[in-house]
Amino acid sequence: MDHIVTVQDAVTAFADFMEPTDVELDAIDAEMPVIRAEMELLDAQIITIDRTPCELDERRIRRARRRVLAAHRDHVNGLDGQAGGAA
């Protein structure tokens, strides 16, 4: 009979290389306005999933879409001065 053994150390072991670097954390911080704007848009869309959107819902979604576009624009324009920033 063969025993099935898990490799627990390999699955749960955390090494330094698995943590995000400072550069990666800075990139996440720089992109947070975009992430927040996309979350607001998603929230506005979720509200209307189970009902017909009213005028207020439609305005909320339009405003959220404009915020997403503005956040993307600001993020890309902020990266223009950095190396490799053109997306």
Protein backbone atom coordinates (compact mmCIF):
# COMPACT_ATOMS: atom_id res chain seq x y z
CA MET A 1 0.00 0.00 0.00
CA ASP A 2 1.36 3.42 -0.98
CA HIS A 3 0.78 6.28 1.39
CA ILE A 4 -0.27 9.65 0.05
CA VAL A 5 1.75 12.33 1.73
CA THR A 6 1.35 16.08 1.34
CA VAL A 7 4.27 18.38 0.91
CA GLN A 8 3.18 20.85 3.57
CA ASP A 9 6.44 22.79 3.75
CA ALA A 10 6.48 23.48 0.02
CA VAL A 11 2.89 24.71 0.04
CA THR A 12 2.96 26.94 3.11
CA ALA A 13 6.56 28.07 3.18
CA PHE A 14 7.06 31.78 2.57
CA ALA A 15 10.35 33.11 1.36
CA ASP A 16 11.53 36.69 1.02
CA PHE A 17 11.24 36.52 -2.76
CA MET A 18 7.50 35.85 -2.47
CA GLU A 19 6.78 39.22 -0.83
CA PRO A 20 6.12 42.25 -3.02
CA THR A 21 9.10 44.49 -3.51
CA ASP A 22 9.12 48.19 -2.70
CA VAL A 23 8.88 48.96 -6.41
CA GLU A 24 5.80 46.75 -6.76
CA LEU A 25 4.17 48.35 -3.72
CA ASP A 26 4.88 51.81 -5.15
CA ALA A 27 3.27 50.75 -8.43
CA ILE A 28 0.18 49.57 -6.55
CA ASP A 29 0.02 52.86 -4.63
CA ALA A 30 0.30 54.81 -7.88
CA GLU A 31 -2.56 52.81 -9.37
CA MET A 32 -4.88 53.04 -6.33
CA PRO A 33 -6.98 55.92 -7.75
CA VAL A 34 -7.71 53.77 -10.81
CA ILE A 35 -8.56 50.78 -8.63
CA ARG A 36 -10.89 52.86 -6.46
CA ALA A 37 -12.63 54.37 -9.49
CA GLU A 38 -13.13 50.92 -11.01
CA MET A 39 -14.54 49.67 -7.70
CA GLU A 40 -17.03 52.57 -7.65
CA LEU A 41 -18.11 51.70 -11.19
CA LEU A 42 -18.51 48.07 -10.25
CA ASP A 43 -20.57 49.01 -7.20
CA ALA A 44 -22.84 51.20 -9.34
CA GLN A 45 -23.30 48.36 -11.82
CA ILE A 46 -23.98 45.78 -9.09
CA ILE A 47 -26.77 47.94 -7.69
CA THR A 48 -28.64 47.65 -10.99
CA ILE A 49 -28.20 43.90 -11.53
CA ASP A 50 -31.58 42.85 -10.18
CA ARG A 51 -33.66 45.83 -11.21
CA THR A 52 -34.23 48.23 -14.04
CA PRO A 53 -31.90 51.21 -13.62
CA CYS A 54 -33.68 54.43 -12.75
CA GLU A 55 -32.42 57.86 -13.80
CA LEU A 56 -30.33 58.16 -10.64
CA ASP A 57 -28.68 54.78 -11.29
CA GLU A 58 -27.88 55.76 -14.86
CA ARG A 59 -26.30 59.03 -13.70
CA ARG A 60 -24.32 57.19 -11.03
CA ILE A 61 -22.94 54.77 -13.64
CA ARG A 62 -22.10 57.59 -16.08
CA ARG A 63 -20.26 59.51 -13.36
CA ALA A 64 -18.39 56.37 -12.30
CA ARG A 65 -17.35 55.68 -15.92
CA ARG A 66 -16.07 59.25 -16.24
CA ARG A 67 -14.10 58.83 -13.01
CA VAL A 68 -12.53 55.63 -14.33
CA LEU A 69 -11.52 57.32 -17.57
CA ALA A 70 -10.12 60.33 -15.70
CA ALA A 71 -8.20 58.10 -13.28
CA HIS A 72 -6.72 56.10 -16.17
CA ARG A 73 -5.79 59.33 -17.94
CA ASP A 74 -4.15 60.79 -14.84
CA HIS A 75 -2.32 57.54 -14.15
CA VAL A 76 -0.94 57.27 -17.68
CA ASN A 77 -0.01 60.95 -17.80
CA GLY A 78 1.75 60.60 -14.45
CA LEU A 79 3.81 57.72 -15.85
CA ASP A 80 4.95 59.66 -18.93
CA GLY A 81 7.91 61.10 -17.07
CA GLN A 82 9.03 57.69 -15.83
CA ALA A 83 10.98 55.09 -17.77
CA GLY A 84 8.70 52.67 -19.55
CA GLY A 85 5.63 54.66 -18.62
CA ALA A 86 4.03 54.74 -22.03
CA ALA A 87 1.28 52.16 -22.01
